[in-house]
């Protein structure tokens, strides 16, 4: 069974002080497109065994859409709650890696059996 990679968009984008706060939607699109390119190439460690990638967006980035290789989940409320829902809904026993630095979220998803990785795995 293939692995599932779930990305906390707001946390990953916010981990690099590159002016993302001026254009949250644009920052989420750049992250999505970078992930899609890496997923297609299978060249980055998180993508080698995770053919399904879910990017969770919230707030000003909520209207960012899916592209081949990256399914976008739009959080109606809390992005963290949506991530937990995605992790909880996966097929039992399926490996899942959540990319975030948020300590509370890390605790919540590891309680559900997910692994965690920091945002640096998605930095250029």
PDB file of N, CA and C in Angstrom:
ATOM      1  N   UNK A   1       0.854  -1.182   0.000  1.00  0.00           N
ATOM      2  CA  UNK A   1       0.000   0.000   0.000  1.00  0.00           C
ATOM      3  C   UNK A   1       0.899   1.244   0.000  1.00  0.00           C
ATOM      4  N   UNK A   2       0.589   2.164  -0.872  1.00  0.00           N
ATOM      5  CA  UNK A   2       1.401   3.378  -0.989  1.00  0.00           C
ATOM      6  C   UNK A   2       1.164   4.328   0.179  1.00  0.00           C
ATOM      7  N   UNK A   3       2.127   5.156   0.415  1.00  0.00           N
ATOM      8  CA  UNK A   3       2.053   6.121   1.517  1.00  0.00           C
ATOM      9  C   UNK A   3       1.276   7.366   1.114  1.00  0.00           C
ATOM     10  N   UNK A   4       0.833   8.082   2.107  1.00  0.00           N
ATOM     11  CA  UNK A   4       0.115   9.348   1.947  1.00  0.00           C
ATOM     12  C   UNK A   4       0.963  10.448   2.569  1.00  0.00           C
ATOM     13  N   UNK A   5       1.177  11.518   1.834  1.00  0.00           N
ATOM     14  CA  UNK A   5       1.912  12.672   2.334  1.00  0.00           C
ATOM     15  C   UNK A   5       0.925  13.823   2.476  1.00  0.00           C
ATOM     16  N   UNK A   6       0.810  14.371   3.684  1.00  0.00           N
ATOM     17  CA  UNK A   6      -0.110  15.473   3.958  1.00  0.00           C
ATOM     18  C   UNK A   6       0.723  16.686   4.346  1.00  0.00           C
ATOM     19  N   UNK A   7       0.494  17.811   3.673  1.00  0.00           N
ATOM     20  CA  UNK A   7       1.309  19.007   3.870  1.00  0.00           C
ATOM     21  C   UNK A   7       0.475  20.121   4.494  1.00  0.00           C
ATOM     22  N   UNK A   8       0.968  20.656   5.593  1.00  0.00           N
ATOM     23  CA  UNK A   8       0.374  21.810   6.272  1.00  0.00           C
ATOM     24  C   UNK A   8       0.878  23.062   5.550  1.00  0.00           C
ATOM     25  N   UNK A   9       0.122  23.498   4.554  1.00  0.00           N
ATOM     26  CA  UNK A   9       0.555  24.597   3.696  1.00  0.00           C
ATOM     27  C   UNK A   9       0.923  25.853   4.483  1.00  0.00           C
ATOM     28  N   UNK A  10       0.057  26.275   5.379  1.00  0.00           N
ATOM     29  CA  UNK A  10       0.305  27.518   6.120  1.00  0.00           C
ATOM     30  C   UNK A  10       1.587  27.428   6.929  1.00  0.00           C
ATOM     31  N   UNK A  11       1.839  26.289   7.526  1.00  0.00           N
ATOM     32  CA  UNK A  11       3.027  26.130   8.351  1.00  0.00           C
ATOM     33  C   UNK A  11       4.292  26.072   7.506  1.00  0.00           C
ATOM     34  N   UNK A  12       4.233  25.355   6.396  1.00  0.00           N
ATOM     35  CA  UNK A  12       5.412  25.239   5.535  1.00  0.00           C
ATOM     36  C   UNK A  12       5.734  26.593   4.904  1.00  0.00           C
ATOM     37  N   UNK A  13       4.710  27.269   4.369  1.00  0.00           N
ATOM     38  CA  UNK A  13       4.923  28.593   3.771  1.00  0.00           C
ATOM     39  C   UNK A  13       5.460  29.565   4.821  1.00  0.00           C
ATOM     40  N   UNK A  14       4.905  29.512   6.015  1.00  0.00           N
ATOM     41  CA  UNK A  14       5.311  30.426   7.084  1.00  0.00           C
ATOM     42  C   UNK A  14       6.681  30.154   7.667  1.00  0.00           C
ATOM     43  N   UNK A  15       7.293  29.039   7.294  1.00  0.00           N
ATOM     44  CA  UNK A  15       8.604  28.691   7.860  1.00  0.00           C
ATOM     45  C   UNK A  15       9.756  29.442   7.195  1.00  0.00           C
ATOM     46  N   UNK A  16       9.475  30.134   6.099  1.00  0.00           N
ATOM     47  CA  UNK A  16      10.511  30.885   5.386  1.00  0.00           C
ATOM     48  C   UNK A  16      10.080  32.351   5.282  1.00  0.00           C
ATOM     49  N   UNK A  17      10.823  33.254   5.890  1.00  0.00           N
ATOM     50  CA  UNK A  17      10.440  34.672   5.865  1.00  0.00           C
ATOM     51  C   UNK A  17      10.781  35.337   4.535  1.00  0.00           C
ATOM     52  N   UNK A  18      10.028  34.994   3.501  1.00  0.00           N
ATOM     53  CA  UNK A  18      10.305  35.506   2.160  1.00  0.00           C
ATOM     54  C   UNK A  18       9.244  36.486   1.657  1.00  0.00           C
ATOM     55  N   UNK A  19       8.435  37.011   2.571  1.00  0.00           N
ATOM     56  CA  UNK A  19       7.395  37.950   2.187  1.00  0.00           C
ATOM     57  C   UNK A  19       6.069  37.291   1.871  1.00  0.00           C
ATOM     58  N   UNK A  20       5.924  36.006   2.203  1.00  0.00           N
ATOM     59  CA  UNK A  20       4.705  35.261   1.904  1.00  0.00           C
ATOM     60  C   UNK A  20       3.445  35.949   2.438  1.00  0.00           C
ATOM     61  N   UNK A  21       3.567  36.692   3.511  1.00  0.00           N
ATOM     62  CA  UNK A  21       2.412  37.338   4.148  1.00  0.00           C
ATOM     63  C   UNK A  21       1.776  38.405   3.259  1.00  0.00           C
ATOM     64  N   UNK A  22       2.510  38.875   2.266  1.00  0.00           N
ATOM     65  CA  UNK A  22       1.952  39.859   1.333  1.00  0.00           C
ATOM     66  C   UNK A  22       1.041  39.209   0.299  1.00  0.00           C
ATOM     67  N   UNK A  23       1.235  37.910   0.054  1.00  0.00           N
ATOM     68  CA  UNK A  23       0.458  37.192  -0.950  1.00  0.00           C
ATOM     69  C   UNK A  23       0.351  35.721  -0.542  1.00  0.00           C
ATOM     70  N   UNK A  24      -0.507  35.444   0.424  1.00  0.00           N
ATOM     71  CA  UNK A  24      -0.649  34.079   0.950  1.00  0.00           C
ATOM     72  C   UNK A  24      -1.091  33.092  -0.129  1.00  0.00           C
ATOM     73  N   UNK A  25      -2.010  33.539  -0.967  1.00  0.00           N
ATOM     74  CA  UNK A  25      -2.488  32.674  -2.045  1.00  0.00           C
ATOM     75  C   UNK A  25      -1.346  32.339  -2.995  1.00  0.00           C
ATOM     76  N   UNK A  26      -0.597  33.350  -3.423  1.00  0.00           N
ATOM     77  CA  UNK A  26       0.530  33.129  -4.323  1.00  0.00           C
ATOM     78  C   UNK A  26       1.581  32.213  -3.717  1.00  0.00           C
ATOM     79  N   UNK A  27       1.834  32.375  -2.419  1.00  0.00           N
ATOM     80  CA  UNK A  27       2.812  31.515  -1.741  1.00  0.00           C
ATOM     81  C   UNK A  27       2.339  30.063  -1.730  1.00  0.00           C
ATOM     82  N   UNK A  28       1.039  29.850  -1.511  1.00  0.00           N
ATOM     83  CA  UNK A  28       0.489  28.488  -1.512  1.00  0.00           C
ATOM     84  C   UNK A  28       0.565  27.881  -2.910  1.00  0.00           C
ATOM     85  N   UNK A  29       0.319  28.689  -3.933  1.00  0.00           N
ATOM     86  CA  UNK A  29       0.416  28.199  -5.310  1.00  0.00           C
ATOM     87  C   UNK A  29       1.858  27.807  -5.629  1.00  0.00           C
ATOM     88  N   UNK A  30       2.817  28.621  -5.242  1.00  0.00           N
ATOM     89  CA  UNK A  30       4.229  28.284  -5.488  1.00  0.00           C
ATOM     90  C   UNK A  30       4.614  26.987  -4.780  1.00  0.00           C
ATOM     91  N   UNK A  31       4.147  26.812  -3.539  1.00  0.00           N
ATOM     92  CA  UNK A  31       4.426  25.575  -2.805  1.00  0.00           C
ATOM     93  C   UNK A  31       3.773  24.387  -3.511  1.00  0.00           C
ATOM     94  N   UNK A  32       2.511  24.529  -3.886  1.00  0.00           N
ATOM     95  CA  UNK A  32       1.797  23.452  -4.580  1.00  0.00           C
ATOM     96  C   UNK A  32       2.526  23.048  -5.855  1.00  0.00           C
ATOM     97  N   UNK A  33       2.937  24.027  -6.638  1.00  0.00           N
ATOM     98  CA  UNK A  33       3.594  23.736  -7.916  1.00  0.00           C
ATOM     99  C   UNK A  33       4.970  23.100  -7.709  1.00  0.00           C
ATOM    100  N   UNK A  34       5.688  23.526  -6.685  1.00  0.00           N
ATOM    101  CA  UNK A  34       6.994  22.922  -6.376  1.00  0.00           C
ATOM    102  C   UNK A  34       6.788  21.459  -5.960  1.00  0.00           C
ATOM    103  N   UNK A  35       5.788  21.222  -5.124  1.00  0.00           N
ATOM    104  CA  UNK A  35       5.500  19.850  -4.688  1.00  0.00           C
ATOM    105  C   UNK A  35       5.091  18.993  -5.882  1.00  0.00           C
ATOM    106  N   UNK A  36       4.253  19.535  -6.769  1.00  0.00           N
ATOM    107  CA  UNK A  36       3.810  18.775  -7.943  1.00  0.00           C
ATOM    108  C   UNK A  36       4.995  18.375  -8.811  1.00  0.00           C
ATOM    109  N   UNK A  37       5.939  19.282  -8.994  1.00  0.00           N
ATOM    110  CA  UNK A  37       7.127  18.979  -9.808  1.00  0.00           C
ATOM    111  C   UNK A  37       7.970  17.890  -9.151  1.00  0.00           C
ATOM    112  N   UNK A  38       8.168  17.992  -7.856  1.00  0.00           N
ATOM    113  CA  UNK A  38       8.946  16.973  -7.139  1.00  0.00           C
ATOM    114  C   UNK A  38       8.226  15.639  -7.132  1.00  0.00           C
ATOM    115  N   UNK A  39       6.913  15.669  -6.942  1.00  0.00           N
ATOM    116  CA  UNK A  39       6.135  14.427  -6.926  1.00  0.00           C
ATOM    117  C   UNK A  39       6.209  13.736  -8.286  1.00  0.00           C
ATOM    118  N   UNK A  40       6.108  14.512  -9.362  1.00  0.00           N
ATOM    119  CA  UNK A  40       6.163  13.945 -10.713  1.00  0.00           C
ATOM    120  C   UNK A  40       7.528  13.312 -10.981  1.00  0.00           C
ATOM    121  N   UNK A  41       8.566  13.947 -10.483  1.00  0.00           N
ATOM    122  CA  UNK A  41       9.918  13.448 -10.716  1.00  0.00           C
ATOM    123  C   UNK A  41      10.313  12.359  -9.722  1.00  0.00           C
ATOM    124  N   UNK A  42       9.639  12.313  -8.568  1.00  0.00           N
ATOM    125  CA  UNK A  42       9.996  11.349  -7.529  1.00  0.00           C
ATOM    126  C   UNK A  42      11.393  11.565  -6.991  1.00  0.00           C
ATOM    127  N   UNK A  43      11.864  12.806  -7.092  1.00  0.00           N
ATOM    128  CA  UNK A  43      13.270  13.071  -6.784  1.00  0.00           C
ATOM    129  C   UNK A  43      13.544  13.474  -5.346  1.00  0.00           C
ATOM    130  N   UNK A  44      12.529  13.795  -4.582  1.00  0.00           N
ATOM    131  CA  UNK A  44      12.743  14.216  -3.197  1.00  0.00           C
ATOM    132  C   UNK A  44      12.301  13.103  -2.263  1.00  0.00           C
ATOM    133  N   UNK A  45      13.003  12.932  -1.170  1.00  0.00           N
ATOM    134  CA  UNK A  45      12.744  11.833  -0.237  1.00  0.00           C
ATOM    135  C   UNK A  45      11.277  11.656   0.128  1.00  0.00           C
ATOM    136  N   UNK A  46      10.537  12.712   0.456  1.00  0.00           N
ATOM    137  CA  UNK A  46       9.151  12.462   0.868  1.00  0.00           C
ATOM    138  C   UNK A  46       8.267  11.911  -0.242  1.00  0.00           C
ATOM    139  N   UNK A  47       8.689  12.031  -1.493  1.00  0.00           N
ATOM    140  CA  UNK A  47       7.836  11.634  -2.609  1.00  0.00           C
ATOM    141  C   UNK A  47       8.196  10.279  -3.200  1.00  0.00           C
ATOM    142  N   UNK A  48       9.262   9.684  -2.757  1.00  0.00           N
ATOM    143  CA  UNK A  48       9.706   8.430  -3.369  1.00  0.00           C
ATOM    144  C   UNK A  48       8.714   7.301  -3.140  1.00  0.00           C
ATOM    145  N   UNK A  49       8.043   7.299  -1.996  1.00  0.00           N
ATOM    146  CA  UNK A  49       7.073   6.223  -1.749  1.00  0.00           C
ATOM    147  C   UNK A  49       5.690   6.774  -1.390  1.00  0.00           C
ATOM    148  N   UNK A  50       5.443   8.042  -1.733  1.00  0.00           N
ATOM    149  CA  UNK A  50       4.154   8.650  -1.411  1.00  0.00           C
ATOM    150  C   UNK A  50       3.519   9.219  -2.678  1.00  0.00           C
ATOM    151  N   UNK A  51       2.908   8.357  -3.487  1.00  0.00           N
ATOM    152  CA  UNK A  51       2.309   8.859  -4.727  1.00  0.00           C
ATOM    153  C   UNK A  51       1.077   9.732  -4.508  1.00  0.00           C
ATOM    154  N   UNK A  52       0.505   9.692  -3.306  1.00  0.00           N
ATOM    155  CA  UNK A  52      -0.636  10.566  -3.044  1.00  0.00           C
ATOM    156  C   UNK A  52      -0.188  11.691  -2.110  1.00  0.00           C
ATOM    157  N   UNK A  53      -0.332  12.920  -2.587  1.00  0.00           N
ATOM    158  CA  UNK A  53       0.055  14.094  -1.823  1.00  0.00           C
ATOM    159  C   UNK A  53      -1.183  14.968  -1.636  1.00  0.00           C
ATOM    160  N   UNK A  54      -1.426  15.355  -0.379  1.00  0.00           N
ATOM    161  CA  UNK A  54      -2.543  16.234  -0.054  1.00  0.00           C
ATOM    162  C   UNK A  54      -1.974  17.510   0.557  1.00  0.00           C
ATOM    163  N   UNK A  55      -2.311  18.646  -0.028  1.00  0.00           N
ATOM    164  CA  UNK A  55      -1.900  19.954   0.476  1.00  0.00           C
ATOM    165  C   UNK A  55      -3.126  20.592   1.116  1.00  0.00           C
ATOM    166  N   UNK A  56      -3.057  20.880   2.408  1.00  0.00           N
ATOM    167  CA  UNK A  56      -4.188  21.490   3.101  1.00  0.00           C
ATOM    168  C   UNK A  56      -3.967  22.999   3.152  1.00  0.00           C
ATOM    169  N   UNK A  57      -4.960  23.732   2.599  1.00  0.00           N
ATOM    170  CA  UNK A  57      -4.885  25.195   2.552  1.00  0.00           C
ATOM    171  C   UNK A  57      -6.020  25.781   3.380  1.00  0.00           C
ATOM    172  N   UNK A  58      -5.802  27.016   3.830  1.00  0.00           N
ATOM    173  CA  UNK A  58      -6.798  27.688   4.655  1.00  0.00           C
ATOM    174  C   UNK A  58      -6.714  29.188   4.431  1.00  0.00           C
ATOM    175  N   UNK A  59      -7.677  29.913   4.964  1.00  0.00           N
ATOM    176  CA  UNK A  59      -7.661  31.368   4.921  1.00  0.00           C
ATOM    177  C   UNK A  59      -7.591  31.914   3.513  1.00  0.00           C
ATOM    178  N   UNK A  60      -6.698  32.894   3.313  1.00  0.00           N
ATOM    179  CA  UNK A  60      -6.573  33.575   2.019  1.00  0.00           C
ATOM    180  C   UNK A  60      -6.134  32.639   0.903  1.00  0.00           C
ATOM    181  N   UNK A  61      -5.592  31.491   1.244  1.00  0.00           N
ATOM    182  CA  UNK A  61      -5.142  30.532   0.233  1.00  0.00           C
ATOM    183  C   UNK A  61      -6.206  29.478  -0.079  1.00  0.00           C
ATOM    184  N   UNK A  62      -7.372  29.617   0.498  1.00  0.00           N
ATOM    185  CA  UNK A  62      -8.405  28.583   0.391  1.00  0.00           C
ATOM    186  C   UNK A  62      -8.878  28.318  -1.034  1.00  0.00           C
ATOM    187  N   UNK A  63      -8.720  29.266  -1.945  1.00  0.00           N
ATOM    188  CA  UNK A  63      -9.208  29.046  -3.308  1.00  0.00           C
ATOM    189  C   UNK A  63      -8.169  28.427  -4.241  1.00  0.00           C
ATOM    190  N   UNK A  64      -7.031  28.026  -3.707  1.00  0.00           N
ATOM    191  CA  UNK A  64      -6.015  27.351  -4.514  1.00  0.00           C
ATOM    192  C   UNK A  64      -6.549  25.968  -4.877  1.00  0.00           C
ATOM    193  N   UNK A  65      -6.420  25.600  -6.142  1.00  0.00           N
ATOM    194  CA  UNK A  65      -6.969  24.334  -6.611  1.00  0.00           C
ATOM    195  C   UNK A  65      -5.934  23.232  -6.739  1.00  0.00           C
ATOM    196  N   UNK A  66      -6.430  22.044  -6.956  1.00  0.00           N
ATOM    197  CA  UNK A  66      -5.580  20.873  -7.154  1.00  0.00           C
ATOM    198  C   UNK A  66      -4.926  20.912  -8.534  1.00  0.00           C
ATOM    199  N   UNK A  67      -3.818  20.218  -8.658  1.00  0.00           N
ATOM    200  CA  UNK A  67      -3.120  20.018  -9.926  1.00  0.00           C
ATOM    201  C   UNK A  67      -2.710  18.553  -9.971  1.00  0.00           C
ATOM    202  N   UNK A  68      -2.354  18.042 -11.145  1.00  0.00           N
ATOM    203  CA  UNK A  68      -1.894  16.650 -11.185  1.00  0.00           C
ATOM    204  C   UNK A  68      -0.738  16.431 -10.199  1.00  0.00           C
ATOM    205  N   UNK A  69      -0.888  15.434  -9.368  1.00  0.00           N
ATOM    206  CA  UNK A  69       0.136  15.102  -8.382  1.00  0.00           C
ATOM    207  C   UNK A  69      -0.094  15.687  -7.008  1.00  0.00           C
ATOM    208  N   UNK A  70      -0.967  16.685  -6.893  1.00  0.00           N
ATOM    209  CA  UNK A  70      -1.233  17.306  -5.588  1.00  0.00           C
ATOM    210  C   UNK A  70      -2.732  17.574  -5.460  1.00  0.00           C
ATOM    211  N   UNK A  71      -3.346  16.872  -4.532  1.00  0.00           N
ATOM    212  CA  UNK A  71      -4.757  17.127  -4.230  1.00  0.00           C
ATOM    213  C   UNK A  71      -4.823  18.195  -3.147  1.00  0.00           C
ATOM    214  N   UNK A  72      -5.555  19.247  -3.413  1.00  0.00           N
ATOM    215  CA  UNK A  72      -5.691  20.331  -2.439  1.00  0.00           C
ATOM    216  C   UNK A  72      -6.978  20.135  -1.656  1.00  0.00           C
ATOM    217  N   UNK A  73      -6.855  20.154  -0.339  1.00  0.00           N
ATOM    218  CA  UNK A  73      -8.005  20.098   0.562  1.00  0.00           C
ATOM    219  C   UNK A  73      -8.168  21.487   1.154  1.00  0.00           C
ATOM    220  N   UNK A  74      -9.344  22.054   0.975  1.00  0.00           N
ATOM    221  CA  UNK A  74      -9.622  23.395   1.485  1.00  0.00           C
ATOM    222  C   UNK A  74     -10.237  23.291   2.874  1.00  0.00           C
ATOM    223  N   UNK A  75      -9.577  23.860   3.856  1.00  0.00           N
ATOM    224  CA  UNK A  75     -10.088  23.835   5.230  1.00  0.00           C
ATOM    225  C   UNK A  75     -11.222  24.831   5.362  1.00  0.00           C
ATOM    226  N   UNK A  76     -12.373  24.363   5.774  1.00  0.00           N
ATOM    227  CA  UNK A  76     -13.510  25.259   5.995  1.00  0.00           C
ATOM    228  C   UNK A  76     -13.275  26.101   7.250  1.00  0.00           C
ATOM    229  N   UNK A  77     -12.544  25.561   8.187  1.00  0.00           N
ATOM    230  CA  UNK A  77     -12.212  26.261   9.427  1.00  0.00           C
ATOM    231  C   UNK A  77     -10.719  26.134   9.677  1.00  0.00           C
ATOM    232  N   UNK A  78     -10.371  25.385  10.694  1.00  0.00           N
ATOM    233  CA  UNK A  78      -8.981  25.179  11.077  1.00  0.00           C
ATOM    234  C   UNK A  78      -8.270  24.242  10.114  1.00  0.00           C
ATOM    235  N   UNK A  79      -7.125  24.687   9.623  1.00  0.00           N
ATOM    236  CA  UNK A  79      -6.307  23.822   8.784  1.00  0.00           C
ATOM    237  C   UNK A  79      -5.828  22.607   9.548  1.00  0.00           C
ATOM    238  N   UNK A  80      -5.484  22.794  10.813  1.00  0.00           N
ATOM    239  CA  UNK A  80      -5.034  21.670  11.635  1.00  0.00           C
ATOM    240  C   UNK A  80      -6.118  20.614  11.760  1.00  0.00           C
ATOM    241  N   UNK A  81      -7.364  21.037  11.997  1.00  0.00           N
ATOM    242  CA  UNK A  81      -8.462  20.076  12.113  1.00  0.00           C
ATOM    243  C   UNK A  81      -8.662  19.315  10.809  1.00  0.00           C
ATOM    244  N   UNK A  82      -8.509  19.996   9.696  1.00  0.00           N
ATOM    245  CA  UNK A  82      -8.650  19.337   8.397  1.00  0.00           C
ATOM    246  C   UNK A  82      -7.545  18.319   8.192  1.00  0.00           C
ATOM    247  N   UNK A  83      -6.330  18.654   8.578  1.00  0.00           N
ATOM    248  CA  UNK A  83      -5.217  17.708   8.469  1.00  0.00           C
ATOM    249  C   UNK A  83      -5.488  16.472   9.313  1.00  0.00           C
ATOM    250  N   UNK A  84      -5.940  16.673  10.533  1.00  0.00           N
ATOM    251  CA  UNK A  84      -6.272  15.546  11.405  1.00  0.00           C
ATOM    252  C   UNK A  84      -7.363  14.685  10.761  1.00  0.00           C
ATOM    253  N   UNK A  85      -8.356  15.312  10.159  1.00  0.00           N
ATOM    254  CA  UNK A  85      -9.426  14.570   9.483  1.00  0.00           C
ATOM    255  C   UNK A  85      -8.884  13.738   8.324  1.00  0.00           C
ATOM    256  N   UNK A  86      -7.978  14.319   7.533  1.00  0.00           N
ATOM    257  CA  UNK A  86      -7.387  13.588   6.405  1.00  0.00           C
ATOM    258  C   UNK A  86      -6.603  12.384   6.915  1.00  0.00           C
ATOM    259  N   UNK A  87      -5.813  12.584   7.956  1.00  0.00           N
ATOM    260  CA  UNK A  87      -5.022  11.490   8.530  1.00  0.00           C
ATOM    261  C   UNK A  87      -5.948  10.404   9.076  1.00  0.00           C
ATOM    262  N   UNK A  88      -6.967  10.803   9.798  1.00  0.00           N
ATOM    263  CA  UNK A  88      -7.887   9.835  10.410  1.00  0.00           C
ATOM    264  C   UNK A  88      -8.680   9.053   9.366  1.00  0.00           C
ATOM    265  N   UNK A  89      -8.928   9.652   8.198  1.00  0.00           N
ATOM    266  CA  UNK A  89      -9.754   9.013   7.166  1.00  0.00           C
ATOM    267  C   UNK A  89      -8.976   8.056   6.271  1.00  0.00           C
ATOM    268  N   UNK A  90      -7.651   8.005   6.414  1.00  0.00           N
ATOM    269  CA  UNK A  90      -6.879   7.137   5.526  1.00  0.00           C
ATOM    270  C   UNK A  90      -7.205   5.669   5.821  1.00  0.00           C
ATOM    271  N   UNK A  91      -6.893   4.833   4.867  1.00  0.00           N
ATOM    272  CA  UNK A  91      -7.101   3.398   5.023  1.00  0.00           C
ATOM    273  C   UNK A  91      -6.289   2.900   6.219  1.00  0.00           C
ATOM    274  N   UNK A  92      -6.889   2.101   7.100  1.00  0.00           N
ATOM    275  CA  UNK A  92      -6.150   1.588   8.252  1.00  0.00           C
ATOM    276  C   UNK A  92      -4.857   0.893   7.830  1.00  0.00           C
ATOM    277  N   UNK A  93      -3.788   1.230   8.517  1.00  0.00           N
ATOM    278  CA  UNK A  93      -2.485   0.643   8.234  1.00  0.00           C
ATOM    279  C   UNK A  93      -1.691   1.362   7.161  1.00  0.00           C
ATOM    280  N   UNK A  94      -2.301   2.312   6.480  1.00  0.00           N
ATOM    281  CA  UNK A  94      -1.583   3.042   5.435  1.00  0.00           C
ATOM    282  C   UNK A  94      -0.594   4.013   6.069  1.00  0.00           C
ATOM    283  N   UNK A  95       0.643   3.963   5.610  1.00  0.00           N
ATOM    284  CA  UNK A  95       1.658   4.888   6.103  1.00  0.00           C
ATOM    285  C   UNK A  95       1.283   6.310   5.713  1.00  0.00           C
ATOM    286  N   UNK A  96       1.463   7.227   6.657  1.00  0.00           N
ATOM    287  CA  UNK A  96       1.125   8.627   6.420  1.00  0.00           C
ATOM    288  C   UNK A  96       2.215   9.496   7.032  1.00  0.00           C
ATOM    289  N   UNK A  97       2.676  10.477   6.270  1.00  0.00           N
ATOM    290  CA  UNK A  97       3.666  11.447   6.750  1.00  0.00           C
ATOM    291  C   UNK A  97       3.033  12.828   6.655  1.00  0.00           C
ATOM    292  N   UNK A  98       3.054  13.568   7.763  1.00  0.00           N
ATOM    293  CA  UNK A  98       2.530  14.924   7.801  1.00  0.00           C
ATOM    294  C   UNK A  98       3.703  15.881   7.887  1.00  0.00           C
ATOM    295  N   UNK A  99       3.736  16.864   6.993  1.00  0.00           N
ATOM    296  CA  UNK A  99       4.807  17.848   6.984  1.00  0.00           C
ATOM    297  C   UNK A  99       4.307  19.099   7.695  1.00  0.00           C
ATOM    298  N   UNK A 100       4.883  19.359   8.876  1.00  0.00           N
ATOM    299  CA  UNK A 100       4.532  20.525   9.687  1.00  0.00           C
ATOM    300  C   UNK A 100       5.570  20.686  10.797  1.00  0.00           C
ATOM    301  N   UNK A 101       5.654  21.893  11.331  1.00  0.00           N
ATOM    302  CA  UNK A 101       6.486  22.141  12.503  1.00  0.00           C
ATOM    303  C   UNK A 101       5.614  22.461  13.716  1.00  0.00           C
ATOM    304  N   UNK A 102       4.317  22.475  13.517  1.00  0.00           N
ATOM    305  CA  UNK A 102       3.369  22.819  14.578  1.00  0.00           C
ATOM    306  C   UNK A 102       3.364  21.698  15.622  1.00  0.00           C
ATOM    307  N   UNK A 103       3.812  22.014  16.833  1.00  0.00           N
ATOM    308  CA  UNK A 103       3.950  20.985  17.878  1.00  0.00           C
ATOM    309  C   UNK A 103       2.628  20.328  18.250  1.00  0.00           C
ATOM    310  N   UNK A 104       1.586  21.123  18.407  1.00  0.00           N
ATOM    311  CA  UNK A 104       0.294  20.545  18.778  1.00  0.00           C
ATOM    312  C   UNK A 104      -0.230  19.626  17.674  1.00  0.00           C
ATOM    313  N   UNK A 105      -0.111  20.068  16.423  1.00  0.00           N
ATOM    314  CA  UNK A 105      -0.558  19.240  15.306  1.00  0.00           C
ATOM    315  C   UNK A 105       0.267  17.963  15.223  1.00  0.00           C
ATOM    316  N   UNK A 106       1.557  18.071  15.424  1.00  0.00           N
ATOM    317  CA  UNK A 106       2.423  16.887  15.398  1.00  0.00           C
ATOM    318  C   UNK A 106       1.945  15.866  16.428  1.00  0.00           C
ATOM    319  N   UNK A 107       1.595  16.339  17.593  1.00  0.00           N
ATOM    320  CA  UNK A 107       1.105  15.460  18.647  1.00  0.00           C
ATOM    321  C   UNK A 107      -0.216  14.796  18.248  1.00  0.00           C
ATOM    322  N   UNK A 108      -1.106  15.581  17.663  1.00  0.00           N
ATOM    323  CA  UNK A 108      -2.414  15.053  17.267  1.00  0.00           C
ATOM    324  C   UNK A 108      -2.296  13.975  16.188  1.00  0.00           C
ATOM    325  N   UNK A 109      -1.435  14.193  15.191  1.00  0.00           N
ATOM    326  CA  UNK A 109      -1.349  13.219  14.098  1.00  0.00           C
ATOM    327  C   UNK A 109      -0.529  11.993  14.481  1.00  0.00           C
ATOM    328  N   UNK A 110       0.485  12.168  15.327  1.00  0.00           N
ATOM    329  CA  UNK A 110       1.233  10.983  15.764  1.00  0.00           C
ATOM    330  C   UNK A 110       0.354  10.089  16.631  1.00  0.00           C
ATOM    331  N   UNK A 111      -0.593  10.674  17.359  1.00  0.00           N
ATOM    332  CA  UNK A 111      -1.548   9.879  18.141  1.00  0.00           C
ATOM    333  C   UNK A 111      -2.417   9.014  17.230  1.00  0.00           C
ATOM    334  N   UNK A 112      -2.536   9.417  15.970  1.00  0.00           N
ATOM    335  CA  UNK A 112      -3.305   8.651  14.981  1.00  0.00           C
ATOM    336  C   UNK A 112      -2.418   7.703  14.172  1.00  0.00           C
ATOM    337  N   UNK A 113      -1.133   7.630  14.522  1.00  0.00           N
ATOM    338  CA  UNK A 113      -0.217   6.722  13.840  1.00  0.00           C
ATOM    339  C   UNK A 113       0.565   7.311  12.685  1.00  0.00           C
ATOM    340  N   UNK A 114       0.433   8.606  12.454  1.00  0.00           N
ATOM    341  CA  UNK A 114       1.178   9.243  11.367  1.00  0.00           C
ATOM    342  C   UNK A 114       2.610   9.553  11.801  1.00  0.00           C
ATOM    343  N   UNK A 115       3.473   9.670  10.825  1.00  0.00           N
ATOM    344  CA  UNK A 115       4.837  10.147  11.055  1.00  0.00           C
ATOM    345  C   UNK A 115       4.832  11.639  10.760  1.00  0.00           C
ATOM    346  N   UNK A 116       5.849  12.332  11.218  1.00  0.00           N
ATOM    347  CA  UNK A 116       5.946  13.758  10.921  1.00  0.00           C
ATOM    348  C   UNK A 116       7.328  14.097  10.371  1.00  0.00           C
ATOM    349  N   UNK A 117       7.350  15.146   9.553  1.00  0.00           N
ATOM    350  CA  UNK A 117       8.600  15.677   9.012  1.00  0.00           C
ATOM    351  C   UNK A 117       8.481  17.191   9.071  1.00  0.00           C
ATOM    352  N   UNK A 118       9.613  17.845   9.256  1.00  0.00           N
ATOM    353  CA  UNK A 118       9.619  19.303   9.315  1.00  0.00           C
ATOM    354  C   UNK A 118       9.542  19.935   7.941  1.00  0.00           C
ATOM    355  N   UNK A 119       9.204  21.221   7.901  1.00  0.00           N
ATOM    356  CA  UNK A 119       9.065  21.948   6.627  1.00  0.00           C
ATOM    357  C   UNK A 119      10.323  21.932   5.770  1.00  0.00           C
ATOM    358  N   UNK A 120      11.482  21.726   6.360  1.00  0.00           N
ATOM    359  CA  UNK A 120      12.721  21.767   5.587  1.00  0.00           C
ATOM    360  C   UNK A 120      12.755  20.701   4.489  1.00  0.00           C
ATOM    361  N   UNK A 121      11.961  19.619   4.629  1.00  0.00           N
ATOM    362  CA  UNK A 121      11.954  18.605   3.567  1.00  0.00           C
ATOM    363  C   UNK A 121      11.334  19.133   2.288  1.00  0.00           C
ATOM    364  N   UNK A 122      10.635  20.267   2.384  1.00  0.00           N
ATOM    365  CA  UNK A 122       9.985  20.843   1.194  1.00  0.00           C
ATOM    366  C   UNK A 122      10.611  22.157   0.750  1.00  0.00           C
ATOM    367  N   UNK A 123      11.722  22.510   1.326  1.00  0.00           N
ATOM    368  CA  UNK A 123      12.398  23.746   0.937  1.00  0.00           C
ATOM    369  C   UNK A 123      13.276  23.474  -0.280  1.00  0.00           C
ATOM    370  N   UNK A 124      13.379  24.460  -1.159  1.00  0.00           N
ATOM    371  CA  UNK A 124      14.215  24.263  -2.364  1.00  0.00           C
ATOM    372  C   UNK A 124      15.671  24.018  -2.025  1.00  0.00           C
TER     373      UNK A 124
END
